[in-house]
C-alpha atoms as a PDB file:
ATOM      1  CA  MET A   1     -13.647 -17.238 -11.950  1.00  0.00           C
ATOM      2  CA  TRP A   2     -10.614 -18.094  -9.796  1.00  0.00           C
ATOM      3  CA  LYS A   3     -10.892 -21.739 -10.867  1.00  0.00           C
ATOM      4  CA  ASP A   4     -10.642 -20.769 -14.547  1.00  0.00           C
ATOM      5  CA  THR A   5      -6.991 -21.602 -15.250  1.00  0.00           C
ATOM      6  CA  ASN A   6      -7.067 -20.227 -18.794  1.00  0.00           C
ATOM      7  CA  PHE A   7      -8.424 -16.897 -17.569  1.00  0.00           C
ATOM      8  CA  LYS A   8      -5.793 -16.681 -14.834  1.00  0.00           C
ATOM      9  CA  ASN A   9      -2.980 -17.472 -17.275  1.00  0.00           C
ATOM     10  CA  LEU A  10      -4.297 -14.885 -19.706  1.00  0.00           C
ATOM     11  CA  SER A  11      -4.449 -12.326 -16.894  1.00  0.00           C
ATOM     12  CA  LYS A  12      -0.876 -13.131 -15.875  1.00  0.00           C
ATOM     13  CA  LYS A  13       0.374 -12.707 -19.440  1.00  0.00           C
ATOM     14  CA  TRP A  14      -1.526  -9.433 -19.773  1.00  0.00           C
ATOM     15  CA  PHE A  15      -0.018  -8.148 -16.535  1.00  0.00           C
ATOM     16  CA  LEU A  16       3.549  -8.994 -17.537  1.00  0.00           C
ATOM     17  CA  ASP A  17       3.077  -7.417 -20.965  1.00  0.00           C
ATOM     18  CA  SER A  18       1.446  -4.325 -19.478  1.00  0.00           C
ATOM     19  CA  PHE A  19       4.291  -3.899 -16.988  1.00  0.00           C
ATOM     20  CA  GLN A  20       6.762  -3.530 -19.833  1.00  0.00           C
ATOM     21  CA  HIS A  21       4.697  -0.569 -21.058  1.00  0.00           C
ATOM     22  CA  GLU A  22       4.754   1.059 -17.584  1.00  0.00           C
ATOM     23  CA  TYR A  23       0.987   0.682 -17.491  1.00  0.00           C
ATOM     24  CA  SER A  24       0.663   1.794 -13.854  1.00  0.00           C
ATOM     25  CA  TYR A  25       2.092   5.196 -14.792  1.00  0.00           C
ATOM     26  CA  HIS A  26      -0.838   5.987 -17.087  1.00  0.00           C
ATOM     27  CA  PHE A  27      -3.296   7.160 -14.435  1.00  0.00           C
ATOM     28  CA  LYS A  28      -4.095  10.060 -12.136  1.00  0.00           C
ATOM     29  CA  TRP A  29      -6.464  10.391  -9.192  1.00  0.00           C
ATOM     30  CA  LEU A  30      -8.047  13.829  -8.956  1.00  0.00           C
ATOM     31  CA  GLY A  31      -5.116  15.413 -10.745  1.00  0.00           C
ATOM     32  CA  ARG A  32      -2.141  13.592  -9.179  1.00  0.00           C
ATOM     33  CA  PRO A  33      -0.229  10.664 -10.762  1.00  0.00           C
ATOM     34  CA  ILE A  34      -1.007   7.532  -8.745  1.00  0.00           C
ATOM     35  CA  ILE A  35       1.282   4.782 -10.177  1.00  0.00           C
ATOM     36  CA  GLN A  36      -1.142   1.949  -9.437  1.00  0.00           C
ATOM     37  CA  TYR A  37      -3.192  -0.542 -11.397  1.00  0.00           C
ATOM     38  CA  PRO A  38      -6.908   0.353 -11.531  1.00  0.00           C
ATOM     39  CA  GLN A  39      -7.855  -2.977  -9.944  1.00  0.00           C
ATOM     40  CA  ASP A  40      -5.897  -2.184  -6.778  1.00  0.00           C
ATOM     41  CA  MET A  41      -7.208   1.367  -6.750  1.00  0.00           C
ATOM     42  CA  ILE A  42     -10.738  -0.028  -6.659  1.00  0.00           C
ATOM     43  CA  ALA A  43      -9.831  -2.538  -3.931  1.00  0.00           C
ATOM     44  CA  ILE A  44      -8.309   0.194  -1.751  1.00  0.00           C
ATOM     45  CA  GLN A  45     -11.368   2.432  -2.029  1.00  0.00           C
ATOM     46  CA  GLU A  46     -13.629  -0.506  -1.163  1.00  0.00           C
ATOM     47  CA  LEU A  47     -11.614  -1.190   1.988  1.00  0.00           C
ATOM     48  CA  ILE A  48     -11.550   2.452   3.064  1.00  0.00           C
ATOM     49  CA  TRP A  49     -15.300   2.798   2.573  1.00  0.00           C
ATOM     50  CA  LYS A  50     -15.909  -0.410   4.514  1.00  0.00           C
ATOM     51  CA  ILE A  51     -13.514   0.267   7.394  1.00  0.00           C
ATOM     52  CA  LYS A  52     -14.043   4.032   7.668  1.00  0.00           C
ATOM     53  CA  PRO A  53     -10.650   4.524   9.326  1.00  0.00           C
ATOM     54  CA  ASP A  54      -9.761   7.522  11.439  1.00  0.00           C
ATOM     55  CA  LEU A  55      -6.207   7.278  10.150  1.00  0.00           C
ATOM     56  CA  ILE A  56      -4.502   5.771   7.099  1.00  0.00           C
ATOM     57  CA  ILE A  57      -0.709   5.432   7.233  1.00  0.00           C
ATOM     58  CA  GLU A  58       1.026   5.116   3.866  1.00  0.00           C
ATOM     59  CA  THR A  59       4.745   4.569   3.276  1.00  0.00           C
ATOM     60  CA  GLY A  60       5.887   5.812  -0.104  1.00  0.00           C
ATOM     61  CA  ILE A  61       4.453   9.011  -1.581  1.00  0.00           C
ATOM     62  CA  ALA A  62       5.990   9.534  -5.057  1.00  0.00           C
ATOM     63  CA  HIS A  63       3.669  12.033  -6.787  1.00  0.00           C
ATOM     64  CA  GLY A  64       0.980  11.692  -4.129  1.00  0.00           C
ATOM     65  CA  GLY A  65      -1.860  10.073  -6.058  1.00  0.00           C
ATOM     66  CA  SER A  66      -2.368   7.301  -3.529  1.00  0.00           C
ATOM     67  CA  LEU A  67      -2.634   9.823  -0.693  1.00  0.00           C
ATOM     68  CA  ILE A  68      -5.213  11.770  -2.677  1.00  0.00           C
ATOM     69  CA  LEU A  69      -7.168   8.562  -3.328  1.00  0.00           C
ATOM     70  CA  SER A  70      -7.300   7.765   0.380  1.00  0.00           C
ATOM     71  CA  ALA A  71      -8.126  11.352   1.300  1.00  0.00           C
ATOM     72  CA  SER A  72     -10.922  11.541  -1.272  1.00  0.00           C
ATOM     73  CA  ILE A  73     -12.745   8.534   0.178  1.00  0.00           C
ATOM     74  CA  LEU A  74     -12.252   9.854   3.707  1.00  0.00           C
ATOM     75  CA  GLU A  75     -13.699  13.177   2.547  1.00  0.00           C
ATOM     76  CA  LEU A  76     -16.827  11.386   1.316  1.00  0.00           C
ATOM     77  CA  ILE A  77     -17.055   9.500   4.609  1.00  0.00           C
ATOM     78  CA  GLY A  78     -16.706  12.806   6.427  1.00  0.00           C
ATOM     79  CA  LYS A  79     -13.788  11.979   8.719  1.00  0.00           C
ATOM     80  CA  GLY A  80     -10.230  10.701   8.815  1.00  0.00           C
ATOM     81  CA  GLU A  81      -6.676  11.727   7.965  1.00  0.00           C
ATOM     82  CA  VAL A  82      -3.801  10.320   5.931  1.00  0.00           C
ATOM     83  CA  ILE A  83      -0.112  10.273   6.847  1.00  0.00           C
ATOM     84  CA  GLY A  84       2.335   9.828   3.979  1.00  0.00           C
ATOM     85  CA  ILE A  85       5.983   8.957   4.644  1.00  0.00           C
ATOM     86  CA  ASP A  86       8.794   9.158   2.103  1.00  0.00           C
ATOM     87  CA  ILE A  87      12.583   9.260   2.270  1.00  0.00           C
ATOM     88  CA  GLU A  88      12.452  12.373   0.057  1.00  0.00           C
ATOM     89  CA  ILE A  89       9.493  14.591  -0.778  1.00  0.00           C
ATOM     90  CA  LYS A  90      10.461  16.834  -3.657  1.00  0.00           C
ATOM     91  CA  LYS A  91       9.100  20.367  -3.784  1.00  0.00           C
ATOM     92  CA  HIS A  92       7.320  19.818  -7.100  1.00  0.00           C
ATOM     93  CA  ASN A  93       5.353  16.993  -5.442  1.00  0.00           C
ATOM     94  CA  ARG A  94       4.868  18.552  -2.012  1.00  0.00           C
ATOM     95  CA  MET A  95       3.449  21.867  -3.220  1.00  0.00           C
ATOM     96  CA  PRO A  96       0.591  20.442  -5.337  1.00  0.00           C
ATOM     97  CA  MET A  97      -0.324  18.150  -2.454  1.00  0.00           C
ATOM     98  CA  GLU A  98      -0.396  20.961   0.088  1.00  0.00           C
ATOM     99  CA  ASN A  99      -2.462  23.132  -2.264  1.00  0.00           C
ATOM    100  CA  HIS A 100      -4.847  20.348  -3.306  1.00  0.00           C
ATOM    101  CA  PRO A 101      -8.484  20.688  -2.171  1.00  0.00           C
ATOM    102  CA  LEU A 102      -7.955  17.487  -0.156  1.00  0.00           C
ATOM    103  CA  GLY A 103      -4.667  18.640   1.348  1.00  0.00           C
ATOM    104  CA  LYS A 104      -6.442  19.397   4.617  1.00  0.00           C
ATOM    105  CA  ARG A 105      -6.680  15.644   5.293  1.00  0.00           C
ATOM    106  CA  ILE A 106      -3.059  14.873   4.398  1.00  0.00           C
ATOM    107  CA  HIS A 107       0.102  15.030   6.508  1.00  0.00           C
ATOM    108  CA  MET A 108       3.483  14.333   4.875  1.00  0.00           C
ATOM    109  CA  ILE A 109       6.583  13.254   6.783  1.00  0.00           C
ATOM    110  CA  GLU A 110       9.991  13.219   5.123  1.00  0.00           C
ATOM    111  CA  GLY A 111      12.438  10.565   6.284  1.00  0.00           C
ATOM    112  CA  SER A 112      12.967   6.825   6.382  1.00  0.00           C
ATOM    113  CA  SER A 113       9.830   4.938   7.374  1.00  0.00           C
ATOM    114  CA  ILE A 114      11.939   2.533   9.448  1.00  0.00           C
ATOM    115  CA  SER A 115      13.823   5.154  11.437  1.00  0.00           C
ATOM    116  CA  LYS A 116      13.045   5.507  15.138  1.00  0.00           C
ATOM    117  CA  SER A 117      12.282   9.219  14.882  1.00  0.00           C
ATOM    118  CA  ILE A 118       9.743   8.768  12.059  1.00  0.00           C
ATOM    119  CA  ARG A 119       8.187   5.798  13.804  1.00  0.00           C
ATOM    120  CA  ASN A 120       7.760   7.885  16.965  1.00  0.00           C
ATOM    121  CA  LYS A 121       6.101  10.728  15.025  1.00  0.00           C
ATOM    122  CA  VAL A 122       3.611   8.339  13.472  1.00  0.00           C
ATOM    123  CA  TYR A 123       2.796   6.640  16.764  1.00  0.00           C
ATOM    124  CA  GLU A 124       2.241  10.013  18.410  1.00  0.00           C
ATOM    125  CA  PHE A 125      -0.140  11.014  15.641  1.00  0.00           C
ATOM    126  CA  ALA A 126      -1.993   7.690  15.905  1.00  0.00           C
ATOM    127  CA  LYS A 127      -2.754   8.089  19.602  1.00  0.00           C
ATOM    128  CA  GLY A 128      -6.477   7.947  20.283  1.00  0.00           C
ATOM    129  CA  LYS A 129      -7.379   6.821  16.758  1.00  0.00           C
ATOM    130  CA  LYS A 130      -9.996   4.057  16.965  1.00  0.00           C
ATOM    131  CA  ARG A 131      -9.599   2.666  13.457  1.00  0.00           C
ATOM    132  CA  VAL A 132      -6.233   2.589  11.700  1.00  0.00           C
ATOM    133  CA  MET A 133      -5.283   1.207   8.290  1.00  0.00           C
ATOM    134  CA  VAL A 134      -1.736   0.848   6.905  1.00  0.00           C
ATOM    135  CA  ILE A 135      -0.507   0.676   3.295  1.00  0.00           C
ATOM    136  CA  LEU A 136       3.158  -0.165   2.627  1.00  0.00           C
ATOM    137  CA  ASP A 137       4.558   0.926  -0.740  1.00  0.00           C
ATOM    138  CA  SER A 138       8.086   2.286  -0.364  1.00  0.00           C
ATOM    139  CA  ASN A 139      11.419   0.419  -0.657  1.00  0.00           C
ATOM    140  CA  HIS A 140      10.543  -3.117  -1.810  1.00  0.00           C
ATOM    141  CA  THR A 141      13.456  -5.123  -0.373  1.00  0.00           C
ATOM    142  CA  HIS A 142      12.703  -7.959   2.043  1.00  0.00           C
ATOM    143  CA  LYS A 143      14.574  -6.321   4.912  1.00  0.00           C
ATOM    144  CA  HIS A 144      12.918  -2.926   4.535  1.00  0.00           C
ATOM    145  CA  VAL A 145       9.366  -4.241   4.173  1.00  0.00           C
ATOM    146  CA  LEU A 146       9.788  -6.661   7.065  1.00  0.00           C
ATOM    147  CA  ASN A 147      10.959  -3.782   9.243  1.00  0.00           C
ATOM    148  CA  GLU A 148       7.933  -1.739   8.187  1.00  0.00           C
ATOM    149  CA  LEU A 149       5.630  -4.660   8.956  1.00  0.00           C
ATOM    150  CA  LYS A 150       7.060  -5.033  12.441  1.00  0.00           C
ATOM    151  CA  LEU A 151       6.988  -1.291  13.132  1.00  0.00           C
ATOM    152  CA  TYR A 152       3.519  -0.386  11.889  1.00  0.00           C
ATOM    153  CA  SER A 153       1.431  -3.559  12.190  1.00  0.00           C
ATOM    154  CA  PRO A 154       0.756  -2.923  15.920  1.00  0.00           C
ATOM    155  CA  LEU A 155      -1.137   0.228  14.929  1.00  0.00           C
ATOM    156  CA  VAL A 156      -3.598  -1.646  12.698  1.00  0.00           C
ATOM    157  CA  THR A 157      -6.887  -2.159  14.512  1.00  0.00           C
ATOM    158  CA  LYS A 158      -8.982  -5.326  14.523  1.00  0.00           C
ATOM    159  CA  GLY A 159     -11.107  -5.577  11.394  1.00  0.00           C
ATOM    160  CA  SER A 160      -8.881  -3.189   9.483  1.00  0.00           C
ATOM    161  CA  TYR A 161      -6.186  -3.979   6.915  1.00  0.00           C
ATOM    162  CA  LEU A 162      -2.434  -3.921   6.452  1.00  0.00           C
ATOM    163  CA  VAL A 163      -1.869  -3.731   2.686  1.00  0.00           C
ATOM    164  CA  VAL A 164       1.535  -4.632   1.260  1.00  0.00           C
ATOM    165  CA  MET A 165       1.936  -3.489  -2.335  1.00  0.00           C
ATOM    166  CA  ASP A 166       4.126  -5.063  -5.041  1.00  0.00           C
ATOM    167  CA  THR A 167       4.291  -8.579  -3.654  1.00  0.00           C
ATOM    168  CA  ILE A 168       3.942  -9.471  -7.356  1.00  0.00           C
ATOM    169  CA  VAL A 169       7.723  -8.994  -7.678  1.00  0.00           C
ATOM    170  CA  GLU A 170       8.145 -12.611  -6.521  1.00  0.00           C
ATOM    171  CA  TYR A 171       6.410 -13.861  -9.676  1.00  0.00           C
ATOM    172  CA  MET A 172       8.073 -11.600 -12.236  1.00  0.00           C
ATOM    173  CA  PRO A 173      11.132 -12.308 -14.410  1.00  0.00           C
ATOM    174  CA  LYS A 174      14.496 -11.244 -13.002  1.00  0.00           C
ATOM    175  CA  SER A 175      15.078  -9.156 -16.117  1.00  0.00           C
ATOM    176  CA  PHE A 176      12.299  -6.762 -15.042  1.00  0.00           C
ATOM    177  CA  PHE A 177      14.343  -5.475 -12.085  1.00  0.00           C
ATOM    178  CA  LYS A 178      17.899  -5.115 -13.381  1.00  0.00           C
ATOM    179  CA  ASN A 179      18.419  -1.728 -11.751  1.00  0.00           C
ATOM    180  CA  ARG A 180      16.567  -2.425  -8.505  1.00  0.00           C
ATOM    181  CA  PRO A 181      17.834  -3.834  -5.186  1.00  0.00           C
ATOM    182  CA  TRP A 182      14.850  -6.212  -4.965  1.00  0.00           C
ATOM    183  CA  GLY A 183      13.905  -9.295  -6.961  1.00  0.00           C
ATOM    184  CA  ILE A 184      12.803 -12.918  -6.626  1.00  0.00           C
ATOM    185  CA  GLY A 185      13.278 -14.081  -3.030  1.00  0.00           C
ATOM    186  CA  ASP A 186      13.992 -10.553  -1.809  1.00  0.00           C
ATOM    187  CA  ASN A 187      10.795  -8.517  -2.011  1.00  0.00           C
ATOM    188  CA  PRO A 188       7.516  -7.649  -0.247  1.00  0.00           C
ATOM    189  CA  MET A 189       6.156 -11.182  -0.766  1.00  0.00           C
ATOM    190  CA  SER A 190       9.094 -12.815   1.008  1.00  0.00           C
ATOM    191  CA  ALA A 191       8.719 -10.256   3.804  1.00  0.00           C
ATOM    192  CA  VAL A 192       4.997 -10.999   4.200  1.00  0.00           C
ATOM    193  CA  LYS A 193       5.670 -14.734   4.429  1.00  0.00           C
ATOM    194  CA  GLU A 194       8.283 -14.194   7.123  1.00  0.00           C
ATOM    195  CA  PHE A 195       6.047 -11.770   9.005  1.00  0.00           C
ATOM    196  CA  LEU A 196       3.037 -14.110   9.044  1.00  0.00           C
ATOM    197  CA  LYS A 197       5.125 -16.924  10.535  1.00  0.00           C
ATOM    198  CA  HIS A 198       5.390 -14.962  13.766  1.00  0.00           C
ATOM    199  CA  ASP A 199       2.437 -12.573  13.844  1.00  0.00           C
ATOM    200  CA  LYS A 200      -0.936 -14.265  14.259  1.00  0.00           C
ATOM    201  CA  ARG A 201      -2.953 -11.036  14.323  1.00  0.00           C
ATOM    202  CA  PHE A 202      -3.153 -11.053  10.536  1.00  0.00           C
ATOM    203  CA  LYS A 203      -4.295 -13.377   7.800  1.00  0.00           C
ATOM    204  CA  VAL A 204      -4.264 -13.046   4.025  1.00  0.00           C
ATOM    205  CA  ASP A 205      -7.648 -12.016   2.631  1.00  0.00           C
ATOM    206  CA  ASN A 206      -7.651 -14.184  -0.499  1.00  0.00           C
ATOM    207  CA  ILE A 207     -11.130 -13.042  -1.500  1.00  0.00           C
ATOM    208  CA  ILE A 208      -9.731  -9.699  -2.658  1.00  0.00           C
ATOM    209  CA  GLU A 209      -7.109 -11.287  -4.908  1.00  0.00           C
ATOM    210  CA  LYS A 210      -9.613 -13.805  -6.273  1.00  0.00           C
ATOM    211  CA  LYS A 211     -12.010 -11.115  -7.424  1.00  0.00           C
ATOM    212  CA  LEU A 212      -9.296  -8.810  -8.796  1.00  0.00           C
ATOM    213  CA  VAL A 213      -7.224 -11.529 -10.545  1.00  0.00           C
ATOM    214  CA  ILE A 214      -4.982  -8.724 -11.819  1.00  0.00           C
ATOM    215  CA  THR A 215      -3.215  -7.134  -8.833  1.00  0.00           C
ATOM    216  CA  VAL A 216       0.257  -5.992  -7.789  1.00  0.00           C
ATOM    217  CA  ALA A 217      -0.450  -7.305  -4.293  1.00  0.00           C
ATOM    218  CA  PRO A 218      -1.135 -11.065  -4.350  1.00  0.00           C
ATOM    219  CA  ASN A 219      -1.238 -12.258  -0.717  1.00  0.00           C
ATOM    220  CA  GLY A 220      -0.671  -8.633   0.207  1.00  0.00           C
ATOM    221  CA  TYR A 221      -4.109  -7.732   1.549  1.00  0.00           C
ATOM    222  CA  LEU A 222      -3.739  -8.674   5.216  1.00  0.00           C
ATOM    223  CA  LYS A 223      -6.768  -8.493   7.487  1.00  0.00           C
ATOM    224  CA  CYS A 224      -6.267  -7.870  11.193  1.00  0.00           C
ATOM    225  CA  ILE A 225      -8.260 -10.511  13.068  1.00  0.00           C
ATOM    226  CA  LYS A 226      -7.103  -9.874  16.643  1.00  0.00           C
ATOM    227  CA  LYS A 227      -6.616  -6.919  18.933  1.00  0.00           C
ATOM    228  CA  SER A 228      -3.046  -5.885  19.649  1.00  0.00           C
END
């Protein structure tokens, strides 16, 4: 399928057209808006089920759908917790999360994911956890994502994944991000490339992208292949 150029071009056109309709805003996971493409939602649940992590660290909460997705798979597994970090967690998002049936598996931390105090809180919580997975989906500038990669990659355990969302920004028209501080050359993809030059614990799992074809995270599914 990956060798089918026509199919890939069609998928790319579909993605760009769908983005203009805010397609990722159309979905909820167990009642909470998730702001993700279904393909990546499926990929994430596959990874969680395979890895069976004791802890999933997610930067960027928004309405909380991604935290609920992670928590729901952990609930089926029968173990594990999720930490969500966001610069601001509004009351109308926090309350439904705390009162959700899966809220017992979720911990929310308000503050910058790259601040020393937040980093210390996360590391303290991660102590003793045998399997840790990280998903980065907050501020999408090169500098911010690279800082997140450096801060949280040491927590990812061998065989687990460090997932960097929205690397697709590198391949999208400049006009799509007029009111955003990120764009071509300054985004999660550029941060991943810089990170992989110096950190040999991770490699891009191309198999995931090849089977999804449509994804917001091309080259963003990073598998940890060495112990820290």
